[in-house]
Amino acid sequence: MLSCPTKFFKMKSLLFFAFVGVMLTSCSSDDHRQDNPNLLDVNVNFMVDTSFPQFNPLIHPNNPVYVSQYGNGGIILMNTGSGYVAWDNIDPNHTRDNNCTSMQIDFPHLKCSCEGNTYELFTGNFIEGENLEYTLYPYRVTDNGNGTLRITNN
C-alpha cells in the first residue's frame, strides 16, 4: 500500500514528464519556418560592418538599410533598439515577377509598389493589402559585439 507522500511524488513526476513531453514535441527547428511558394530557396550568409559608411545608420535605432544582391529581392536590415531584424525585400504574397522585384521603405513600413501590400518593419507582419497569407521572410541576425553583424538563413 502506497502512502500519501509516495502517491503525491508519483503524480508530480507524471505531470513533470507529461509537461516535458509536450514541450519536446512542440519544439521544432525554425529552418523551414515559412514554406512560401513565392520565394526562391536561396542561401544567405554574409557579414556587415557597421563602421562602413553604408551600414553606419544601423548603429542607431529605426534606420533601415537596404543590402542588394542577397535573398530574393535584397535584404532590409534594421536596428529596432532592442536588437536587429533582417527581412527579405520582396513581397512574399505574390508570385515572383521580374517587373516587381523589391519593395520600397516607407518607414516604419515596407510597401510593394506593384500591389500596395504593406508590411511592418519591426515585426514583419502585413498591415494592408488583399489576400495576405505570408509575413515578411526573416533572416537571422547575429550581433558579434564588435560592430559586425552576420546575416544568415541557415
N, C-alpha and C. Protein backbone atom coordinates (compact mmCIF):
# COMPACT_ATOMS: atom_id res chain seq x y z
N MET A 1 0.84 -1.18 0.00
CA MET A 1 0.00 0.00 0.00
C MET A 1 0.88 1.24 0.00
N LEU A 2 0.56 2.20 -0.89
CA LEU A 2 1.35 3.43 -1.01
C LEU A 2 0.86 4.47 -0.03
N SER A 3 1.79 5.19 0.53
CA SER A 3 1.41 6.27 1.44
C SER A 3 1.12 7.52 0.63
N CYS A 4 0.49 8.49 1.25
CA CYS A 4 0.13 9.74 0.56
C CYS A 4 1.33 10.46 -0.03
N PRO A 5 2.46 10.58 0.69
CA PRO A 5 3.61 11.26 0.08
C PRO A 5 4.12 10.55 -1.17
N THR A 6 4.07 9.22 -1.21
CA THR A 6 4.54 8.47 -2.38
C THR A 6 3.60 8.71 -3.56
N LYS A 7 2.28 8.68 -3.31
CA LYS A 7 1.31 8.95 -4.38
C LYS A 7 1.51 10.36 -4.93
N PHE A 8 1.72 11.31 -4.04
CA PHE A 8 1.94 12.69 -4.45
C PHE A 8 3.19 12.81 -5.32
N PHE A 9 4.26 12.14 -4.91
CA PHE A 9 5.52 12.18 -5.66
C PHE A 9 5.34 11.57 -7.05
N LYS A 10 4.62 10.42 -7.12
CA LYS A 10 4.40 9.78 -8.42
C LYS A 10 3.53 10.66 -9.32
N MET A 11 2.53 11.30 -8.76
CA MET A 11 1.67 12.18 -9.53
C MET A 11 2.46 13.39 -10.03
N LYS A 12 3.28 13.94 -9.16
CA LYS A 12 4.11 15.09 -9.52
C LYS A 12 5.09 14.71 -10.63
N SER A 13 5.69 13.54 -10.53
CA SER A 13 6.64 13.06 -11.55
C SER A 13 5.92 12.84 -12.87
N LEU A 14 4.74 12.25 -12.82
CA LEU A 14 3.96 12.01 -14.03
C LEU A 14 3.63 13.33 -14.73
N LEU A 15 3.19 14.32 -13.97
CA LEU A 15 2.88 15.63 -14.55
C LEU A 15 4.12 16.30 -15.15
N PHE A 16 5.26 16.16 -14.45
CA PHE A 16 6.50 16.75 -14.95
C PHE A 16 6.89 16.13 -16.29
N PHE A 17 6.85 14.79 -16.39
CA PHE A 17 7.25 14.12 -17.62
C PHE A 17 6.25 14.39 -18.75
N ALA A 18 4.99 14.52 -18.41
CA ALA A 18 3.99 14.87 -19.43
C ALA A 18 4.26 16.27 -19.96
N PHE A 19 4.58 17.20 -19.08
CA PHE A 19 4.90 18.56 -19.49
C PHE A 19 6.13 18.59 -20.39
N VAL A 20 7.18 17.87 -19.98
CA VAL A 20 8.42 17.83 -20.77
C VAL A 20 8.14 17.20 -22.14
N GLY A 21 7.34 16.16 -22.17
CA GLY A 21 6.99 15.51 -23.44
C GLY A 21 6.26 16.45 -24.39
N VAL A 22 5.32 17.20 -23.85
CA VAL A 22 4.59 18.18 -24.67
C VAL A 22 5.54 19.25 -25.19
N MET A 23 6.42 19.73 -24.35
CA MET A 23 7.37 20.77 -24.76
C MET A 23 8.31 20.26 -25.84
N LEU A 24 8.78 19.04 -25.72
CA LEU A 24 9.70 18.50 -26.71
C LEU A 24 9.03 18.27 -28.06
N THR A 25 7.79 17.84 -28.05
CA THR A 25 7.10 17.61 -29.32
C THR A 25 6.65 18.91 -29.96
N SER A 26 6.48 19.97 -29.17
CA SER A 26 6.06 21.25 -29.75
C SER A 26 7.24 22.04 -30.26
N CYS A 27 8.46 21.71 -29.84
CA CYS A 27 9.65 22.39 -30.33
C CYS A 27 10.03 21.81 -31.68
N SER A 28 10.38 22.68 -32.58
CA SER A 28 10.85 22.22 -33.88
C SER A 28 11.86 23.21 -34.40
N SER A 29 12.60 22.78 -35.37
CA SER A 29 13.59 23.65 -35.99
C SER A 29 12.86 24.76 -36.73
N ASP A 30 13.44 25.94 -36.75
CA ASP A 30 12.83 27.03 -37.49
C ASP A 30 13.48 27.19 -38.86
N ASP A 31 14.21 26.14 -39.30
CA ASP A 31 14.87 26.21 -40.60
C ASP A 31 13.85 26.37 -41.73
N HIS A 32 12.65 25.86 -41.53
CA HIS A 32 11.62 25.96 -42.56
C HIS A 32 10.41 26.68 -41.98
N ARG A 33 10.66 27.79 -41.28
CA ARG A 33 9.60 28.47 -40.56
C ARG A 33 8.56 29.07 -41.48
N GLN A 34 8.90 29.29 -42.73
CA GLN A 34 7.91 29.78 -43.69
C GLN A 34 8.11 29.05 -45.01
N ASP A 35 7.28 28.10 -45.29
CA ASP A 35 7.34 27.42 -46.58
C ASP A 35 6.50 28.23 -47.55
N ASN A 36 7.13 29.23 -48.15
CA ASN A 36 6.43 30.16 -49.03
C ASN A 36 6.74 29.80 -50.47
N PRO A 37 5.72 29.39 -51.25
CA PRO A 37 5.96 29.01 -52.65
C PRO A 37 6.34 30.20 -53.54
N ASN A 38 6.17 31.42 -53.06
CA ASN A 38 6.51 32.60 -53.86
C ASN A 38 7.98 32.99 -53.77
N LEU A 39 8.71 32.39 -52.85
CA LEU A 39 10.11 32.74 -52.64
C LEU A 39 11.03 31.62 -53.10
N LEU A 40 12.16 32.00 -53.67
CA LEU A 40 13.18 31.02 -54.03
C LEU A 40 13.94 30.62 -52.78
N ASP A 41 14.41 29.40 -52.74
CA ASP A 41 15.21 28.92 -51.62
C ASP A 41 16.66 29.29 -51.88
N VAL A 42 17.08 30.45 -51.40
CA VAL A 42 18.42 30.95 -51.64
C VAL A 42 19.23 30.89 -50.35
N ASN A 43 20.52 30.65 -50.50
CA ASN A 43 21.41 30.62 -49.34
C ASN A 43 21.86 32.04 -49.03
N VAL A 44 21.71 32.44 -47.78
CA VAL A 44 22.14 33.77 -47.34
C VAL A 44 23.11 33.61 -46.19
N ASN A 45 24.29 34.20 -46.34
CA ASN A 45 25.30 34.14 -45.29
C ASN A 45 26.31 35.24 -45.60
N PHE A 46 26.19 36.37 -44.93
CA PHE A 46 27.13 37.47 -45.16
C PHE A 46 27.32 38.28 -43.90
N MET A 47 28.37 39.09 -43.91
CA MET A 47 28.71 39.94 -42.76
C MET A 47 28.52 41.40 -43.14
N VAL A 48 28.15 42.21 -42.14
CA VAL A 48 28.01 43.65 -42.28
C VAL A 48 28.86 44.30 -41.20
N ASP A 49 29.63 45.29 -41.57
CA ASP A 49 30.45 46.03 -40.62
C ASP A 49 29.84 47.42 -40.46
N THR A 50 29.31 47.71 -39.28
CA THR A 50 28.61 48.98 -39.07
C THR A 50 29.54 50.18 -39.06
N SER A 51 30.85 49.95 -39.13
CA SER A 51 31.78 51.09 -39.23
C SER A 51 31.89 51.59 -40.67
N PHE A 52 31.41 50.79 -41.65
CA PHE A 52 31.41 51.25 -43.04
C PHE A 52 30.28 52.26 -43.23
N PRO A 53 30.50 53.30 -44.01
CA PRO A 53 29.50 54.37 -44.15
C PRO A 53 28.11 53.89 -44.56
N GLN A 54 28.02 52.91 -45.47
CA GLN A 54 26.70 52.46 -45.92
C GLN A 54 25.93 51.71 -44.85
N PHE A 55 26.63 51.19 -43.84
CA PHE A 55 25.97 50.45 -42.76
C PHE A 55 25.97 51.20 -41.43
N ASN A 56 26.58 52.37 -41.41
CA ASN A 56 26.67 53.18 -40.20
C ASN A 56 25.30 53.54 -39.61
N PRO A 57 24.24 53.73 -40.43
CA PRO A 57 22.92 54.02 -39.84
C PRO A 57 22.41 52.92 -38.90
N LEU A 58 22.93 51.70 -39.02
CA LEU A 58 22.48 50.60 -38.17
C LEU A 58 22.91 50.75 -36.72
N ILE A 59 23.84 51.66 -36.47
CA ILE A 59 24.27 51.89 -35.09
C ILE A 59 23.12 52.47 -34.27
N HIS A 60 22.27 53.25 -34.93
CA HIS A 60 21.15 53.91 -34.25
C HIS A 60 19.84 53.23 -34.61
N PRO A 61 18.91 53.13 -33.68
CA PRO A 61 17.61 52.50 -33.96
C PRO A 61 16.82 53.24 -35.04
N ASN A 62 15.98 52.45 -35.70
CA ASN A 62 14.97 52.95 -36.64
C ASN A 62 15.55 53.52 -37.92
N ASN A 63 16.69 53.04 -38.37
CA ASN A 63 17.29 53.45 -39.63
C ASN A 63 17.49 52.23 -40.53
N PRO A 64 16.47 51.84 -41.28
CA PRO A 64 16.61 50.65 -42.12
C PRO A 64 17.64 50.87 -43.23
N VAL A 65 18.35 49.80 -43.56
CA VAL A 65 19.38 49.83 -44.59
C VAL A 65 19.09 48.71 -45.58
N TYR A 66 19.14 49.03 -46.86
CA TYR A 66 18.93 48.05 -47.92
C TYR A 66 20.27 47.47 -48.35
N VAL A 67 20.34 46.13 -48.42
CA VAL A 67 21.54 45.44 -48.89
C VAL A 67 21.14 44.62 -50.11
N SER A 68 21.69 45.00 -51.27
CA SER A 68 21.33 44.30 -52.51
C SER A 68 22.12 43.01 -52.66
N GLN A 69 21.76 42.24 -53.63
CA GLN A 69 22.47 41.02 -54.05
C GLN A 69 22.34 39.86 -53.08
N TYR A 70 21.46 39.92 -52.12
CA TYR A 70 21.22 38.79 -51.22
C TYR A 70 19.72 38.55 -51.14
N GLY A 71 19.36 37.32 -50.82
CA GLY A 71 17.95 36.99 -50.69
C GLY A 71 17.25 36.96 -52.03
N ASN A 72 15.95 37.16 -52.01
CA ASN A 72 15.14 37.17 -53.22
C ASN A 72 15.05 38.54 -53.86
N GLY A 73 15.06 39.58 -53.04
CA GLY A 73 14.93 40.94 -53.56
C GLY A 73 15.81 41.92 -52.79
N GLY A 74 16.94 41.44 -52.31
CA GLY A 74 17.75 42.24 -51.41
C GLY A 74 17.26 42.02 -49.99
N ILE A 75 17.96 42.60 -49.04
CA ILE A 75 17.60 42.42 -47.63
C ILE A 75 17.56 43.78 -46.95
N ILE A 76 16.54 43.96 -46.13
CA ILE A 76 16.41 45.16 -45.31
C ILE A 76 16.90 44.81 -43.91
N LEU A 77 17.89 45.55 -43.42
CA LEU A 77 18.40 45.40 -42.06
C LEU A 77 17.95 46.60 -41.24
N MET A 78 17.65 46.36 -39.96
CA MET A 78 17.27 47.48 -39.11
C MET A 78 17.58 47.17 -37.65
N ASN A 79 18.06 48.18 -36.97
CA ASN A 79 18.25 48.14 -35.52
C ASN A 79 16.92 48.61 -34.93
N THR A 80 16.25 47.73 -34.17
CA THR A 80 14.95 48.09 -33.60
C THR A 80 15.07 48.81 -32.26
N GLY A 81 16.29 48.89 -31.74
CA GLY A 81 16.50 49.44 -30.41
C GLY A 81 16.61 48.34 -29.37
N SER A 82 16.06 47.17 -29.69
CA SER A 82 16.18 46.02 -28.78
C SER A 82 16.81 44.85 -29.50
N GLY A 83 17.39 45.10 -30.65
CA GLY A 83 18.04 44.06 -31.44
C GLY A 83 17.94 44.39 -32.91
N TYR A 84 18.44 43.51 -33.73
CA TYR A 84 18.43 43.72 -35.18
C TYR A 84 17.44 42.77 -35.83
N VAL A 85 16.83 43.23 -36.93
CA VAL A 85 15.98 42.39 -37.75
C VAL A 85 16.49 42.46 -39.18
N ALA A 86 16.22 41.40 -39.93
CA ALA A 86 16.56 41.36 -41.35
C ALA A 86 15.40 40.70 -42.08
N TRP A 87 14.91 41.36 -43.12
CA TRP A 87 13.78 40.86 -43.89
C TRP A 87 14.16 40.78 -45.36
N ASP A 88 13.63 39.77 -46.04
CA ASP A 88 13.78 39.73 -47.49
C ASP A 88 12.95 40.87 -48.04
N ASN A 89 13.50 41.60 -48.99
CA ASN A 89 12.83 42.79 -49.52
C ASN A 89 12.02 42.47 -50.77
N ILE A 90 11.30 41.38 -50.73
CA ILE A 90 10.39 41.05 -51.82
C ILE A 90 9.03 40.73 -51.20
N ASP A 91 7.99 41.11 -51.89
CA ASP A 91 6.64 40.87 -51.37
C ASP A 91 6.39 39.37 -51.32
N PRO A 92 6.19 38.81 -50.13
CA PRO A 92 6.01 37.36 -50.01
C PRO A 92 4.62 36.88 -50.44
N ASN A 93 3.73 37.82 -50.80
CA ASN A 93 2.36 37.43 -51.10
C ASN A 93 1.97 37.52 -52.57
N HIS A 94 2.94 37.65 -53.44
CA HIS A 94 2.62 37.47 -54.85
C HIS A 94 3.75 36.73 -55.53
N THR A 95 3.41 36.07 -56.63
CA THR A 95 4.41 35.27 -57.32
C THR A 95 5.51 36.16 -57.85
N ARG A 96 6.65 35.56 -58.00
CA ARG A 96 7.85 36.28 -58.46
C ARG A 96 7.59 36.90 -59.83
N ASP A 97 7.91 38.16 -59.96
CA ASP A 97 7.69 38.91 -61.20
C ASP A 97 8.91 39.79 -61.43
N ASN A 98 9.55 39.65 -62.58
CA ASN A 98 10.76 40.43 -62.87
C ASN A 98 10.50 41.94 -62.93
N ASN A 99 9.24 42.34 -63.09
CA ASN A 99 8.91 43.76 -63.10
C ASN A 99 8.65 44.31 -61.70
N CYS A 100 8.60 43.43 -60.74
CA CYS A 100 8.32 43.86 -59.36
C CYS A 100 9.19 43.00 -58.43
N THR A 101 10.44 43.39 -58.29
CA THR A 101 11.39 42.52 -57.58
C THR A 101 11.72 42.96 -56.16
N SER A 102 11.34 44.16 -55.77
CA SER A 102 11.62 44.57 -54.38
C SER A 102 10.59 45.59 -53.93
N MET A 103 10.63 45.88 -52.64
CA MET A 103 9.68 46.83 -52.06
C MET A 103 10.41 48.11 -51.69
N GLN A 104 9.63 49.11 -51.35
CA GLN A 104 10.17 50.42 -51.00
C GLN A 104 10.03 50.65 -49.50
N ILE A 105 11.05 51.25 -48.91
CA ILE A 105 10.97 51.61 -47.49
C ILE A 105 10.14 52.87 -47.37
N ASP A 106 9.09 52.79 -46.57
CA ASP A 106 8.25 53.93 -46.23
C ASP A 106 8.11 53.86 -44.71
N PHE A 107 9.19 54.22 -44.02
CA PHE A 107 9.32 53.97 -42.59
C PHE A 107 8.07 54.40 -41.83
N PRO A 108 7.55 53.55 -40.98
CA PRO A 108 8.05 52.28 -40.47
C PRO A 108 7.53 51.06 -41.23
N HIS A 109 7.32 51.21 -42.53
CA HIS A 109 6.76 50.12 -43.33
C HIS A 109 7.62 49.80 -44.53
N LEU A 110 7.36 48.62 -45.10
CA LEU A 110 7.84 48.25 -46.43
C LEU A 110 6.59 48.13 -47.29
N LYS A 111 6.65 48.70 -48.49
CA LYS A 111 5.46 48.72 -49.33
C LYS A 111 5.80 48.21 -50.72
N CYS A 112 4.96 47.31 -51.22
CA CYS A 112 5.11 46.80 -52.58
C CYS A 112 4.51 47.83 -53.53
N SER A 113 5.33 48.32 -54.45
CA SER A 113 4.85 49.36 -55.38
C SER A 113 3.92 48.77 -56.44
N CYS A 114 3.92 47.45 -56.62
CA CYS A 114 3.06 46.83 -57.62
C CYS A 114 1.63 46.62 -57.13
N GLU A 115 1.50 46.12 -55.91
CA GLU A 115 0.18 45.76 -55.40
C GLU A 115 -0.24 46.58 -54.18
N GLY A 116 0.68 47.35 -53.63
CA GLY A 116 0.35 48.15 -52.46
C GLY A 116 0.34 47.40 -51.15
N ASN A 117 0.73 46.13 -51.16
CA ASN A 117 0.81 45.38 -49.91
C ASN A 117 1.82 46.06 -48.99
N THR A 118 1.45 46.21 -47.72
CA THR A 118 2.27 46.94 -46.77
C THR A 118 2.58 46.06 -45.56
N TYR A 119 3.84 46.13 -45.12
CA TYR A 119 4.33 45.30 -44.03
C TYR A 119 5.02 46.18 -43.00
N GLU A 120 4.95 45.77 -41.76
CA GLU A 120 5.55 46.49 -40.64
C GLU A 120 7.01 46.09 -40.49
N LEU A 121 7.92 47.05 -40.47
CA LEU A 121 9.36 46.77 -40.41
C LEU A 121 9.82 46.16 -39.09
N PHE A 122 9.18 46.47 -38.00
CA PHE A 122 9.63 45.96 -36.71
C PHE A 122 9.30 44.48 -36.51
N THR A 123 8.12 44.06 -36.98
CA THR A 123 7.67 42.69 -36.75
C THR A 123 7.60 41.84 -38.02
N GLY A 124 7.53 42.47 -39.19
CA GLY A 124 7.38 41.73 -40.44
C GLY A 124 5.95 41.38 -40.76
N ASN A 125 5.00 41.76 -39.91
CA ASN A 125 3.59 41.44 -40.15
C ASN A 125 3.02 42.30 -41.26
N PHE A 126 2.05 41.73 -41.99
CA PHE A 126 1.36 42.52 -43.01
C PHE A 126 0.33 43.40 -42.32
N ILE A 127 0.13 44.59 -42.89
CA ILE A 127 -0.84 45.51 -42.28
C ILE A 127 -1.85 46.03 -43.28
N GLU A 128 -1.57 45.89 -44.58
CA GLU A 128 -2.52 46.38 -45.57
C GLU A 128 -2.33 45.62 -46.87
N GLY A 129 -3.43 45.29 -47.51
CA GLY A 129 -3.40 44.59 -48.79
C GLY A 129 -4.51 43.57 -48.84
N GLU A 130 -4.56 42.84 -49.96
CA GLU A 130 -5.58 41.82 -50.14
C GLU A 130 -4.95 40.43 -50.23
N ASN A 131 -5.66 39.44 -49.72
CA ASN A 131 -5.22 38.05 -49.77
C ASN A 131 -3.81 37.87 -49.21
N LEU A 132 -3.56 38.47 -48.07
CA LEU A 132 -2.25 38.38 -47.45
C LEU A 132 -2.18 37.13 -46.58
N GLU A 133 -1.26 36.24 -46.91
CA GLU A 133 -1.09 35.00 -46.17
C GLU A 133 0.25 34.96 -45.44
N TYR A 134 1.28 35.52 -46.06
CA TYR A 134 2.63 35.40 -45.53
C TYR A 134 3.15 36.74 -44.99
N THR A 135 3.90 36.63 -43.90
CA THR A 135 4.60 37.80 -43.37
C THR A 135 5.92 37.94 -44.12
N LEU A 136 6.65 39.02 -43.86
CA LEU A 136 7.97 39.17 -44.48
C LEU A 136 8.85 37.99 -44.10
N TYR A 137 9.72 37.59 -45.01
CA TYR A 137 10.60 36.46 -44.73
C TYR A 137 11.78 36.94 -43.89
N PRO A 138 11.94 36.37 -42.68
CA PRO A 138 13.01 36.82 -41.78
C PRO A 138 14.32 36.07 -42.02
N TYR A 139 15.40 36.75 -41.75
CA TYR A 139 16.73 36.14 -41.70
C TYR A 139 17.27 36.30 -40.30
N ARG A 140 18.19 35.43 -39.93
CA ARG A 140 18.81 35.51 -38.60
C ARG A 140 19.89 36.59 -38.62
N VAL A 141 19.94 37.38 -37.57
CA VAL A 141 20.99 38.38 -37.42
C VAL A 141 21.71 38.08 -36.12
N THR A 142 23.01 37.87 -36.23
CA THR A 142 23.84 37.63 -35.05
C THR A 142 24.74 38.82 -34.86
N ASP A 143 24.60 39.48 -33.73
CA ASP A 143 25.45 40.62 -33.39
C ASP A 143 26.72 40.06 -32.76
N ASN A 144 27.84 40.23 -33.45
CA ASN A 144 29.12 39.69 -32.97
C ASN A 144 29.74 40.55 -31.88
N GLY A 145 29.12 41.69 -31.58
CA GLY A 145 29.57 42.52 -30.48
C GLY A 145 30.73 43.44 -30.80
N ASN A 146 31.26 43.38 -31.98
CA ASN A 146 32.39 44.23 -32.35
C ASN A 146 32.05 45.12 -33.54
N GLY A 147 30.78 45.44 -33.68
CA GLY A 147 30.34 46.27 -34.80
C GLY A 147 30.06 45.49 -36.05
N THR A 148 30.13 44.16 -35.97
CA THR A 148 29.81 43.33 -37.15
C THR A 148 28.57 42.51 -36.87
N LEU A 149 27.81 42.30 -37.92
CA LEU A 149 26.59 41.50 -37.87
C LEU A 149 26.71 40.40 -38.90
N ARG A 150 26.25 39.22 -38.56
CA ARG A 150 26.17 38.11 -39.53
C ARG A 150 24.70 37.86 -39.83
N ILE A 151 24.37 37.83 -41.12
CA ILE A 151 23.01 37.60 -41.56
C ILE A 151 22.99 36.25 -42.27
N THR A 152 22.12 35.35 -41.81
CA THR A 152 22.05 34.01 -42.38
C THR A 152 20.61 33.51 -42.44
N ASN A 153 20.42 32.46 -43.18
CA ASN A 153 19.14 31.75 -43.15
C ASN A 153 19.35 30.27 -42.87
N ASN A 154 20.53 29.93 -42.36
CA ASN A 154 20.75 28.52 -42.03
C ASN A 154 21.44 28.40 -40.69
